[in-house]
Amino acid sequence: MAFLKEKRSRKPYISEPIHYKLNEKHLTIAFRWDSRPPEIINTVGFQGSNQVYFNKIFGKRTVFCAADEQGADYYFQELENGMWRYGSSITYYLYKIDLSGIPTVPIYENRNLGFAKQLATRDPKIESFIEPANKDYALPAGYILTRVSNYLEQVAANSHEIQILGPIKPEKIRFCESRTLRSIRAREHYLGQ
């Protein structure tokens, strides 16, 4: 008698969906730096991130923001620090977003190991990094978890990162200001250092 064996799909790293609540802190506004000018944002709003990031709570509909102006300022400094290779004169625009009725996850407040684990294994494609066809390129699961933990402790905490479910309609968005990125060398010269 032949026994049918159940083919088990080995997916030890895939987490359950991350549950979110309509922001418990009753955040009413968020801030977002974007390279697109008001003429574009006033037409299309914010749709979500099309970048390949491991940390998107809402998948492609995730809109990354800061909970306050202090977090937005930190993010802008990170932009400047990261763009020094590309020179200066790139303009970014700060927008204020009305959060009423929009699902929001305050990432900067969720820095425990359980949350980091869920975030680290959020993308089903993660297995291709952990167990790729070519074993020479495998990343240990611990490496990915460490990377996510570092992101939560350093980036999300300092930028007061929140993630919002997009799309966000233009009528919920208000332009605040624009700033030009300066390369580190240009900024140091400008500040007299």
N, C-alpha and C. Protein backbone atom coordinates (compact mmCIF):
# COMPACT_ATOMS: atom_id res chain seq x y z
N MET A 1 0.85 -1.18 0.00
CA MET A 1 0.00 0.00 0.00
C MET A 1 0.89 1.24 0.00
N ALA A 2 0.60 2.11 -0.89
CA ALA A 2 1.41 3.33 -0.99
C ALA A 2 0.85 4.38 -0.05
N PHE A 3 1.74 4.98 0.67
CA PHE A 3 1.32 6.06 1.55
C PHE A 3 1.60 7.40 0.87
N LEU A 4 0.62 8.26 0.94
CA LEU A 4 0.83 9.60 0.39
C LEU A 4 1.53 10.44 1.45
N LYS A 5 2.60 11.00 1.04
CA LYS A 5 3.31 11.89 1.96
C LYS A 5 2.86 13.32 1.69
N GLU A 6 2.60 13.98 2.76
CA GLU A 6 2.25 15.38 2.63
C GLU A 6 3.49 16.17 2.29
N LYS A 7 3.41 16.92 1.25
CA LYS A 7 4.55 17.77 0.91
C LYS A 7 4.46 19.01 1.79
N ARG A 8 5.43 19.14 2.64
CA ARG A 8 5.42 20.28 3.56
C ARG A 8 6.20 21.43 2.96
N SER A 9 5.59 22.55 3.01
CA SER A 9 6.27 23.76 2.57
C SER A 9 7.08 24.26 3.76
N ARG A 10 8.37 24.35 3.60
CA ARG A 10 9.24 24.78 4.70
C ARG A 10 9.37 26.29 4.67
N LYS A 11 8.62 26.96 5.52
CA LYS A 11 8.66 28.41 5.59
C LYS A 11 8.82 28.83 7.04
N PRO A 12 9.94 28.50 7.65
CA PRO A 12 10.10 28.78 9.07
C PRO A 12 10.27 30.26 9.40
N TYR A 13 10.56 31.08 8.40
CA TYR A 13 10.87 32.47 8.69
C TYR A 13 9.72 33.43 8.42
N ILE A 14 8.64 32.93 7.86
CA ILE A 14 7.55 33.82 7.49
C ILE A 14 6.64 34.05 8.70
N SER A 15 6.45 35.32 9.02
CA SER A 15 5.67 35.66 10.21
C SER A 15 4.20 35.85 9.85
N GLU A 16 3.41 35.91 10.88
CA GLU A 16 2.01 36.26 10.73
C GLU A 16 1.95 37.73 10.34
N PRO A 17 0.83 38.16 9.77
CA PRO A 17 0.71 39.59 9.47
C PRO A 17 0.87 40.42 10.74
N ILE A 18 1.46 41.57 10.61
CA ILE A 18 1.64 42.45 11.76
C ILE A 18 0.32 43.19 11.99
N HIS A 19 -0.20 43.06 13.18
CA HIS A 19 -1.45 43.73 13.50
C HIS A 19 -1.16 45.18 13.85
N TYR A 20 -1.98 46.06 13.38
CA TYR A 20 -1.82 47.47 13.68
C TYR A 20 -3.13 48.02 14.20
N LYS A 21 -3.04 49.14 14.89
CA LYS A 21 -4.23 49.80 15.41
C LYS A 21 -4.23 51.22 14.86
N LEU A 22 -5.41 51.81 14.79
CA LEU A 22 -5.46 53.23 14.45
C LEU A 22 -4.74 53.94 15.57
N ASN A 23 -3.72 54.66 15.24
CA ASN A 23 -2.72 55.15 16.19
C ASN A 23 -3.24 55.46 17.59
N GLU A 24 -2.69 54.70 18.54
CA GLU A 24 -3.10 54.78 19.94
C GLU A 24 -2.74 56.11 20.59
N LYS A 25 -1.68 56.75 20.10
CA LYS A 25 -1.25 58.01 20.71
C LYS A 25 -2.07 59.18 20.19
N HIS A 26 -3.02 58.88 19.35
CA HIS A 26 -3.88 59.90 18.77
C HIS A 26 -3.07 60.97 18.05
N LEU A 27 -2.09 60.50 17.28
CA LEU A 27 -1.34 61.43 16.45
C LEU A 27 -2.30 62.03 15.44
N THR A 28 -2.23 63.33 15.28
CA THR A 28 -3.14 63.99 14.34
C THR A 28 -2.43 64.43 13.07
N ILE A 29 -1.10 64.57 13.16
CA ILE A 29 -0.34 64.99 11.98
C ILE A 29 0.94 64.18 11.86
N ALA A 30 1.48 64.17 10.67
CA ALA A 30 2.77 63.54 10.40
C ALA A 30 3.53 64.46 9.45
N PHE A 31 4.84 64.24 9.37
CA PHE A 31 5.68 65.04 8.47
C PHE A 31 6.45 64.11 7.55
N ARG A 32 6.59 64.55 6.30
CA ARG A 32 7.28 63.73 5.31
C ARG A 32 8.10 64.61 4.38
N TRP A 33 9.40 64.25 4.24
CA TRP A 33 10.26 64.86 3.23
C TRP A 33 10.11 64.07 1.95
N ASP A 34 10.02 64.77 0.83
CA ASP A 34 9.87 64.10 -0.46
C ASP A 34 10.60 64.92 -1.52
N SER A 35 11.13 64.25 -2.52
CA SER A 35 11.86 64.94 -3.58
C SER A 35 10.92 65.54 -4.63
N ARG A 36 9.64 65.21 -4.55
CA ARG A 36 8.69 65.74 -5.53
C ARG A 36 8.09 67.05 -5.04
N PRO A 37 8.00 68.04 -5.94
CA PRO A 37 7.49 69.36 -5.55
C PRO A 37 5.98 69.36 -5.33
N PRO A 38 5.47 70.43 -4.70
CA PRO A 38 4.04 70.53 -4.41
C PRO A 38 3.15 70.39 -5.65
N GLU A 39 3.62 70.84 -6.81
CA GLU A 39 2.80 70.73 -8.02
C GLU A 39 2.43 69.27 -8.30
N ILE A 40 3.32 68.36 -8.00
CA ILE A 40 3.05 66.94 -8.22
C ILE A 40 2.23 66.35 -7.07
N ILE A 41 2.67 66.61 -5.84
CA ILE A 41 1.98 66.05 -4.67
C ILE A 41 0.54 66.55 -4.58
N ASN A 42 0.30 67.81 -4.96
CA ASN A 42 -1.07 68.35 -4.94
C ASN A 42 -1.98 67.66 -5.95
N THR A 43 -1.39 66.93 -6.88
CA THR A 43 -2.16 66.20 -7.88
C THR A 43 -2.32 64.73 -7.53
N VAL A 44 -1.21 64.08 -7.12
CA VAL A 44 -1.24 62.62 -6.91
C VAL A 44 -1.22 62.19 -5.45
N GLY A 45 -0.88 63.08 -4.53
CA GLY A 45 -0.77 62.70 -3.12
C GLY A 45 0.40 61.76 -2.90
N PHE A 46 0.31 60.94 -1.87
CA PHE A 46 1.33 59.93 -1.58
C PHE A 46 0.69 58.55 -1.76
N GLN A 47 1.24 57.76 -2.65
CA GLN A 47 0.68 56.45 -2.98
C GLN A 47 1.23 55.33 -2.11
N GLY A 48 2.50 55.41 -1.79
CA GLY A 48 3.18 54.34 -1.07
C GLY A 48 4.56 54.15 -1.64
N SER A 49 5.34 53.32 -1.01
CA SER A 49 6.73 53.12 -1.41
C SER A 49 6.86 52.01 -2.44
N ASN A 50 7.56 52.33 -3.52
CA ASN A 50 7.83 51.29 -4.52
C ASN A 50 9.24 50.75 -4.37
N GLN A 51 9.93 51.15 -3.30
CA GLN A 51 11.28 50.67 -3.03
C GLN A 51 11.23 49.28 -2.40
N VAL A 52 12.32 48.55 -2.54
CA VAL A 52 12.40 47.21 -1.96
C VAL A 52 12.97 47.33 -0.55
N TYR A 53 12.11 47.58 0.42
CA TYR A 53 12.52 47.68 1.81
C TYR A 53 11.92 46.51 2.57
N PHE A 54 12.63 46.02 3.57
CA PHE A 54 12.14 44.91 4.39
C PHE A 54 11.11 45.37 5.40
N ASN A 55 11.00 46.66 5.63
CA ASN A 55 10.27 47.17 6.78
C ASN A 55 8.94 47.82 6.44
N LYS A 56 8.31 47.44 5.36
CA LYS A 56 7.06 48.08 4.97
C LYS A 56 5.87 47.35 5.59
N ILE A 57 5.28 47.96 6.59
CA ILE A 57 4.14 47.37 7.30
C ILE A 57 2.96 47.13 6.35
N PHE A 58 2.68 48.08 5.48
CA PHE A 58 1.53 48.00 4.60
C PHE A 58 1.92 47.61 3.17
N GLY A 59 3.06 46.96 3.02
CA GLY A 59 3.51 46.57 1.69
C GLY A 59 3.74 47.77 0.80
N LYS A 60 3.33 47.68 -0.45
CA LYS A 60 3.55 48.77 -1.41
C LYS A 60 2.73 50.01 -1.10
N ARG A 61 1.80 49.90 -0.18
CA ARG A 61 0.98 51.06 0.18
C ARG A 61 1.55 51.81 1.39
N THR A 62 2.75 51.45 1.84
CA THR A 62 3.37 52.08 3.00
C THR A 62 3.91 53.45 2.65
N VAL A 63 3.51 54.45 3.44
CA VAL A 63 4.05 55.81 3.31
C VAL A 63 4.86 56.07 4.58
N PHE A 64 6.16 56.32 4.41
CA PHE A 64 7.07 56.57 5.54
C PHE A 64 6.99 58.04 5.94
N CYS A 65 6.86 58.30 7.25
CA CYS A 65 6.75 59.66 7.76
C CYS A 65 7.43 59.76 9.12
N ALA A 66 7.47 60.99 9.63
CA ALA A 66 7.93 61.24 11.00
C ALA A 66 6.73 61.71 11.81
N ALA A 67 6.71 61.37 13.10
CA ALA A 67 5.60 61.74 13.96
C ALA A 67 5.61 63.22 14.34
N ASP A 68 6.77 63.86 14.19
CA ASP A 68 6.89 65.27 14.58
C ASP A 68 8.01 65.94 13.78
N GLU A 69 8.14 67.25 13.96
CA GLU A 69 9.15 68.01 13.21
C GLU A 69 10.57 67.61 13.61
N GLN A 70 10.77 67.25 14.87
CA GLN A 70 12.09 66.82 15.33
C GLN A 70 12.54 65.57 14.57
N GLY A 71 11.66 64.61 14.42
CA GLY A 71 11.97 63.41 13.66
C GLY A 71 12.22 63.71 12.19
N ALA A 72 11.44 64.63 11.63
CA ALA A 72 11.63 65.03 10.23
C ALA A 72 12.99 65.70 10.05
N ASP A 73 13.41 66.52 11.01
CA ASP A 73 14.73 67.16 10.93
C ASP A 73 15.85 66.13 10.97
N TYR A 74 15.70 65.13 11.83
CA TYR A 74 16.71 64.06 11.88
C TYR A 74 16.80 63.36 10.54
N TYR A 75 15.66 63.05 9.94
CA TYR A 75 15.64 62.37 8.65
C TYR A 75 16.32 63.24 7.58
N PHE A 76 16.07 64.54 7.60
CA PHE A 76 16.70 65.43 6.62
C PHE A 76 18.22 65.41 6.78
N GLN A 77 18.71 65.42 8.01
CA GLN A 77 20.16 65.32 8.24
C GLN A 77 20.71 64.02 7.69
N GLU A 78 19.96 62.93 7.86
CA GLU A 78 20.39 61.64 7.30
C GLU A 78 20.43 61.70 5.77
N LEU A 79 19.47 62.39 5.17
CA LEU A 79 19.50 62.58 3.71
C LEU A 79 20.78 63.29 3.31
N GLU A 80 21.09 64.38 4.02
CA GLU A 80 22.32 65.13 3.69
C GLU A 80 23.55 64.26 3.87
N ASN A 81 23.62 63.54 4.95
CA ASN A 81 24.79 62.68 5.20
C ASN A 81 24.92 61.59 4.15
N GLY A 82 23.81 61.09 3.67
CA GLY A 82 23.85 60.01 2.68
C GLY A 82 24.06 60.49 1.26
N MET A 83 23.83 61.77 1.00
CA MET A 83 23.90 62.28 -0.37
C MET A 83 25.22 62.98 -0.68
N TRP A 84 26.18 62.97 0.23
CA TRP A 84 27.41 63.73 0.00
C TRP A 84 28.13 63.32 -1.27
N ARG A 85 28.01 62.08 -1.66
CA ARG A 85 28.68 61.61 -2.88
C ARG A 85 28.09 62.21 -4.14
N TYR A 86 26.84 62.62 -4.04
CA TYR A 86 26.14 63.09 -5.23
C TYR A 86 26.16 64.60 -5.37
N GLY A 87 26.87 65.27 -4.47
CA GLY A 87 26.93 66.73 -4.55
C GLY A 87 25.74 67.35 -3.87
N SER A 88 25.56 68.62 -4.13
CA SER A 88 24.47 69.33 -3.46
C SER A 88 23.45 69.80 -4.48
N SER A 89 22.62 70.70 -4.06
CA SER A 89 21.60 71.32 -4.91
C SER A 89 20.42 70.42 -5.23
N ILE A 90 20.18 69.40 -4.44
CA ILE A 90 18.98 68.58 -4.60
C ILE A 90 17.96 69.13 -3.61
N THR A 91 16.78 69.48 -4.10
CA THR A 91 15.77 70.08 -3.24
C THR A 91 14.79 69.01 -2.75
N TYR A 92 14.49 69.09 -1.45
CA TYR A 92 13.48 68.24 -0.84
C TYR A 92 12.39 69.13 -0.27
N TYR A 93 11.19 68.58 -0.18
CA TYR A 93 10.03 69.35 0.25
C TYR A 93 9.42 68.67 1.47
N LEU A 94 9.11 69.49 2.48
CA LEU A 94 8.50 68.96 3.70
C LEU A 94 6.99 69.16 3.62
N TYR A 95 6.28 68.07 3.91
CA TYR A 95 4.82 68.10 3.88
C TYR A 95 4.27 67.70 5.24
N LYS A 96 3.15 68.30 5.59
CA LYS A 96 2.42 67.94 6.81
C LYS A 96 1.18 67.18 6.36
N ILE A 97 0.92 66.05 7.02
CA ILE A 97 -0.18 65.17 6.63
C ILE A 97 -1.20 65.08 7.76
N ASP A 98 -2.46 65.26 7.42
CA ASP A 98 -3.57 65.09 8.36
C ASP A 98 -3.84 63.59 8.48
N LEU A 99 -3.67 63.04 9.68
CA LEU A 99 -3.78 61.59 9.90
C LEU A 99 -5.19 61.11 10.25
N SER A 100 -6.15 62.00 10.34
CA SER A 100 -7.47 61.57 10.80
C SER A 100 -8.03 60.46 9.90
N GLY A 101 -8.37 59.33 10.55
CA GLY A 101 -8.96 58.19 9.86
C GLY A 101 -7.99 57.32 9.07
N ILE A 102 -6.70 57.57 9.19
CA ILE A 102 -5.72 56.79 8.42
C ILE A 102 -5.00 55.81 9.34
N PRO A 103 -4.98 54.51 9.01
CA PRO A 103 -4.22 53.55 9.82
C PRO A 103 -2.74 53.94 9.87
N THR A 104 -2.22 54.00 11.09
CA THR A 104 -0.86 54.47 11.33
C THR A 104 -0.17 53.57 12.35
N VAL A 105 1.08 53.20 12.07
CA VAL A 105 1.86 52.40 13.02
C VAL A 105 3.07 53.21 13.45
N PRO A 106 3.16 53.54 14.75
CA PRO A 106 4.34 54.25 15.24
C PRO A 106 5.51 53.28 15.42
N ILE A 107 6.31 53.13 14.38
CA ILE A 107 7.43 52.19 14.38
C ILE A 107 8.40 52.49 15.52
N TYR A 108 8.65 53.77 15.78
CA TYR A 108 9.63 54.15 16.79
C TYR A 108 9.25 53.71 18.19
N GLU A 109 8.01 53.35 18.41
CA GLU A 109 7.58 52.88 19.73
C GLU A 109 7.59 51.36 19.83
N ASN A 110 7.74 50.67 18.72
CA ASN A 110 7.69 49.20 18.69
C ASN A 110 9.09 48.65 18.50
N ARG A 111 9.91 48.73 19.53
CA ARG A 111 11.30 48.32 19.35
C ARG A 111 11.64 47.07 20.14
N ASN A 112 10.67 46.23 20.41
CA ASN A 112 10.96 45.00 21.15
C ASN A 112 11.38 43.89 20.18
N LEU A 113 11.94 42.83 20.71
CA LEU A 113 12.46 41.74 19.89
C LEU A 113 11.37 41.06 19.07
N GLY A 114 10.20 40.87 19.65
CA GLY A 114 9.10 40.23 18.92
C GLY A 114 8.71 41.01 17.68
N PHE A 115 8.64 42.32 17.83
CA PHE A 115 8.29 43.17 16.69
C PHE A 115 9.40 43.13 15.65
N ALA A 116 10.65 43.18 16.11
CA ALA A 116 11.79 43.11 15.18
C ALA A 116 11.76 41.81 14.40
N LYS A 117 11.42 40.71 15.07
CA LYS A 117 11.35 39.40 14.40
C LYS A 117 10.26 39.40 13.32
N GLN A 118 9.11 39.94 13.67
CA GLN A 118 8.03 40.00 12.68
C GLN A 118 8.42 40.86 11.49
N LEU A 119 9.04 41.99 11.76
CA LEU A 119 9.44 42.89 10.68
C LEU A 119 10.53 42.25 9.82
N ALA A 120 11.44 41.53 10.45
CA ALA A 120 12.55 40.90 9.72
C ALA A 120 12.07 39.81 8.78
N THR A 121 10.94 39.22 9.06
CA THR A 121 10.46 38.10 8.26
C THR A 121 9.18 38.45 7.51
N ARG A 122 8.92 39.70 7.39
CA ARG A 122 7.67 40.18 6.78
C ARG A 122 7.53 39.80 5.31
N ASP A 123 8.61 39.89 4.57
CA ASP A 123 8.58 39.68 3.12
C ASP A 123 8.77 38.20 2.80
N PRO A 124 7.81 37.56 2.11
CA PRO A 124 7.97 36.14 1.77
C PRO A 124 9.24 35.86 0.96
N LYS A 125 9.78 36.86 0.28
CA LYS A 125 11.00 36.65 -0.51
C LYS A 125 12.23 36.54 0.38
N ILE A 126 12.07 36.72 1.68
CA ILE A 126 13.21 36.68 2.59
C ILE A 126 13.92 35.34 2.52
N GLU A 127 13.17 34.27 2.22
CA GLU A 127 13.80 32.95 2.13
C GLU A 127 14.87 32.90 1.05
N SER A 128 14.70 33.69 -0.02
CA SER A 128 15.71 33.68 -1.08
C SER A 128 17.02 34.29 -0.60
N PHE A 129 16.97 35.10 0.47
CA PHE A 129 18.20 35.63 1.05
C PHE A 129 18.78 34.65 2.06
N ILE A 130 17.89 34.00 2.83
CA ILE A 130 18.34 33.09 3.87
C ILE A 130 18.79 31.76 3.27
N GLU A 131 18.05 31.26 2.31
CA GLU A 131 18.40 29.98 1.68
C GLU A 131 18.36 30.12 0.15
N PRO A 132 19.29 30.90 -0.43
CA PRO A 132 19.28 31.07 -1.88
C PRO A 132 19.75 29.80 -2.58
N ALA A 133 19.51 29.74 -3.89
CA ALA A 133 19.95 28.58 -4.68
C ALA A 133 21.47 28.41 -4.56
N ASN A 134 22.19 29.51 -4.59
CA ASN A 134 23.65 29.46 -4.44
C ASN A 134 23.97 29.71 -2.96
N LYS A 135 24.34 28.68 -2.24
CA LYS A 135 24.56 28.77 -0.79
C LYS A 135 25.66 29.75 -0.40
N ASP A 136 26.53 30.11 -1.35
CA ASP A 136 27.60 31.07 -1.05
C ASP A 136 27.03 32.45 -0.71
N TYR A 137 25.81 32.72 -1.14
CA TYR A 137 25.22 34.04 -0.91
C TYR A 137 24.20 34.05 0.21
N ALA A 138 24.11 33.00 0.98
CA ALA A 138 23.11 32.91 2.05
C ALA A 138 23.41 33.90 3.17
N LEU A 139 22.36 34.50 3.68
CA LEU A 139 22.48 35.38 4.84
C LEU A 139 21.87 34.65 6.03
N PRO A 140 22.58 34.58 7.15
CA PRO A 140 21.99 33.94 8.32
C PRO A 140 20.77 34.72 8.80
N ALA A 141 19.76 34.00 9.26
CA ALA A 141 18.55 34.66 9.76
C ALA A 141 18.90 35.66 10.86
N GLY A 142 19.89 35.34 11.67
CA GLY A 142 20.32 36.25 12.74
C GLY A 142 20.84 37.56 12.21
N TYR A 143 21.48 37.53 11.05
CA TYR A 143 22.00 38.76 10.44
C TYR A 143 20.84 39.69 10.08
N ILE A 144 19.81 39.12 9.47
CA ILE A 144 18.66 39.93 9.07
C ILE A 144 17.96 40.49 10.30
N LEU A 145 17.81 39.68 11.35
CA LEU A 145 17.19 40.16 12.58
C LEU A 145 18.02 41.27 13.21
N THR A 146 19.34 41.13 13.19
CA THR A 146 20.23 42.17 13.73
C THR A 146 20.08 43.46 12.93
N ARG A 147 20.01 43.31 11.63
CA ARG A 147 19.86 44.49 10.77
C ARG A 147 18.55 45.23 11.08
N VAL A 148 17.47 44.49 11.26
CA VAL A 148 16.18 45.10 11.59
C VAL A 148 16.24 45.74 12.96
N SER A 149 16.83 45.07 13.94
CA SER A 149 16.95 45.64 15.29
C SER A 149 17.74 46.94 15.26
N ASN A 150 18.83 46.96 14.51
CA ASN A 150 19.63 48.20 14.38
C ASN A 150 18.81 49.31 13.74
N TYR A 151 18.06 48.97 12.72
CA TYR A 151 17.19 49.96 12.07
C TYR A 151 16.19 50.54 13.07
N LEU A 152 15.56 49.67 13.88
CA LEU A 152 14.58 50.15 14.85
C LEU A 152 15.21 51.04 15.90
N GLU A 153 16.38 50.63 16.41
CA GLU A 153 17.04 51.38 17.49
C GLU A 153 17.69 52.67 17.02
N GLN A 154 18.19 52.69 15.81
CA GLN A 154 18.93 53.86 15.35
C GLN A 154 18.11 54.77 14.44
N VAL A 155 17.58 54.22 13.39
CA VAL A 155 16.88 55.05 12.41
C VAL A 155 15.45 55.38 12.86
N ALA A 156 14.65 54.36 13.11
CA ALA A 156 13.25 54.59 13.46
C ALA A 156 13.10 55.39 14.75
N ALA A 157 13.93 55.10 15.73
CA ALA A 157 13.84 55.81 17.01
C ALA A 157 14.18 57.29 16.85
N ASN A 158 15.25 57.59 16.13
CA ASN A 158 15.70 58.98 16.00
C ASN A 158 14.85 59.80 15.04
N SER A 159 14.29 59.15 14.03
CA SER A 159 13.45 59.90 13.08
C SER A 159 11.97 59.87 13.48
N HIS A 160 11.69 59.26 14.63
CA HIS A 160 10.31 59.13 15.12
C HIS A 160 9.41 58.60 14.00
N GLU A 161 9.89 57.52 13.38
CA GLU A 161 9.22 56.98 12.20
C GLU A 161 7.85 56.41 12.49
N ILE A 162 6.92 56.80 11.65
CA ILE A 162 5.61 56.17 11.63
C ILE A 162 5.37 55.72 10.19
N GLN A 163 4.56 54.70 10.04
CA GLN A 163 4.19 54.25 8.70
C GLN A 163 2.68 54.38 8.57
N ILE A 164 2.28 54.90 7.43
CA ILE A 164 0.88 55.22 7.18
C ILE A 164 0.39 54.39 6.00
N LEU A 165 -0.86 53.98 6.06
CA LEU A 165 -1.47 53.25 4.96
C LEU A 165 -1.86 54.23 3.86
N GLY A 166 -1.23 54.08 2.70
CA GLY A 166 -1.55 54.91 1.55
C GLY A 166 -2.65 54.26 0.73
N PRO A 167 -3.15 54.91 -0.27
CA PRO A 167 -2.73 56.24 -0.72
C PRO A 167 -3.30 57.33 0.18
N ILE A 168 -2.57 58.45 0.21
CA ILE A 168 -3.00 59.62 0.96
C ILE A 168 -3.40 60.67 -0.06
N LYS A 169 -4.62 61.12 0.04
CA LYS A 169 -5.16 62.07 -0.93
C LYS A 169 -4.54 63.45 -0.76
N PRO A 170 -4.41 64.20 -1.85
CA PRO A 170 -3.80 65.53 -1.79
C PRO A 170 -4.45 66.47 -0.78
N GLU A 171 -5.76 66.35 -0.58
CA GLU A 171 -6.42 67.28 0.35
C GLU A 171 -6.01 67.06 1.81
N LYS A 172 -5.35 65.95 2.11
CA LYS A 172 -4.85 65.70 3.47
C LYS A 172 -3.40 66.15 3.63
N ILE A 173 -2.82 66.73 2.59
CA ILE A 173 -1.40 67.07 2.58
C ILE A 173 -1.23 68.58 2.42
N ARG A 174 -0.33 69.14 3.24
CA ARG A 174 -0.03 70.57 3.14
C ARG A 174 1.47 70.76 3.03
N PHE A 175 1.90 71.55 2.07
CA PHE A 175 3.31 71.87 1.89
C PHE A 175 3.76 72.80 3.01
N CYS A 176 4.95 72.53 3.60
CA CYS A 176 5.48 73.36 4.69
C CYS A 176 6.68 74.20 4.25
N GLU A 177 7.70 73.54 3.69
CA GLU A 177 8.92 74.26 3.30
C GLU A 177 9.74 73.40 2.35
N SER A 178 10.73 74.03 1.74
CA SER A 178 11.68 73.28 0.92
C SER A 178 13.09 73.58 1.42
N ARG A 179 13.97 72.61 1.25
CA ARG A 179 15.38 72.77 1.63
C ARG A 179 16.24 72.11 0.56
N THR A 180 17.39 72.70 0.37
CA THR A 180 18.35 72.14 -0.58
C THR A 180 19.38 71.34 0.19
N LEU A 181 19.62 70.12 -0.26
CA LEU A 181 20.65 69.29 0.38
C LEU A 181 22.01 69.88 0.09
N ARG A 182 22.83 69.90 1.09
CA ARG A 182 24.22 70.31 0.91
C ARG A 182 25.08 69.10 1.18
N SER A 183 26.11 68.95 0.39
CA SER A 183 27.04 67.87 0.69
C SER A 183 27.70 68.19 2.02
N ILE A 184 28.25 67.19 2.68
CA ILE A 184 28.88 67.41 3.99
C ILE A 184 29.97 68.47 3.89
N ARG A 185 30.80 68.39 2.86
CA ARG A 185 31.88 69.37 2.72
C ARG A 185 31.32 70.77 2.53
N ALA A 186 30.33 70.91 1.68
CA ALA A 186 29.74 72.23 1.45
C ALA A 186 29.07 72.74 2.72
N ARG A 187 28.41 71.86 3.46
CA ARG A 187 27.74 72.27 4.68
C ARG A 187 28.75 72.72 5.72
N GLU A 188 29.87 71.98 5.85
CA GLU A 188 30.90 72.37 6.82
C GLU A 188 31.50 73.72 6.45
N HIS A 189 31.72 73.95 5.16
CA HIS A 189 32.26 75.23 4.71
C HIS A 189 31.25 76.34 5.01
N TYR A 190 29.98 76.07 4.74
CA TYR A 190 28.91 77.04 4.96
C TYR A 190 28.82 77.40 6.45
N LEU A 191 29.00 76.42 7.32
CA LEU A 191 28.91 76.65 8.76
C LEU A 191 30.21 77.17 9.35
N GLY A 192 31.24 77.32 8.50
CA GLY A 192 32.51 77.85 8.97
C GLY A 192 33.34 76.85 9.76
N GLN A 193 33.20 75.56 9.48
CA GLN A 193 33.95 74.54 10.22
C GLN A 193 35.17 74.12 9.46
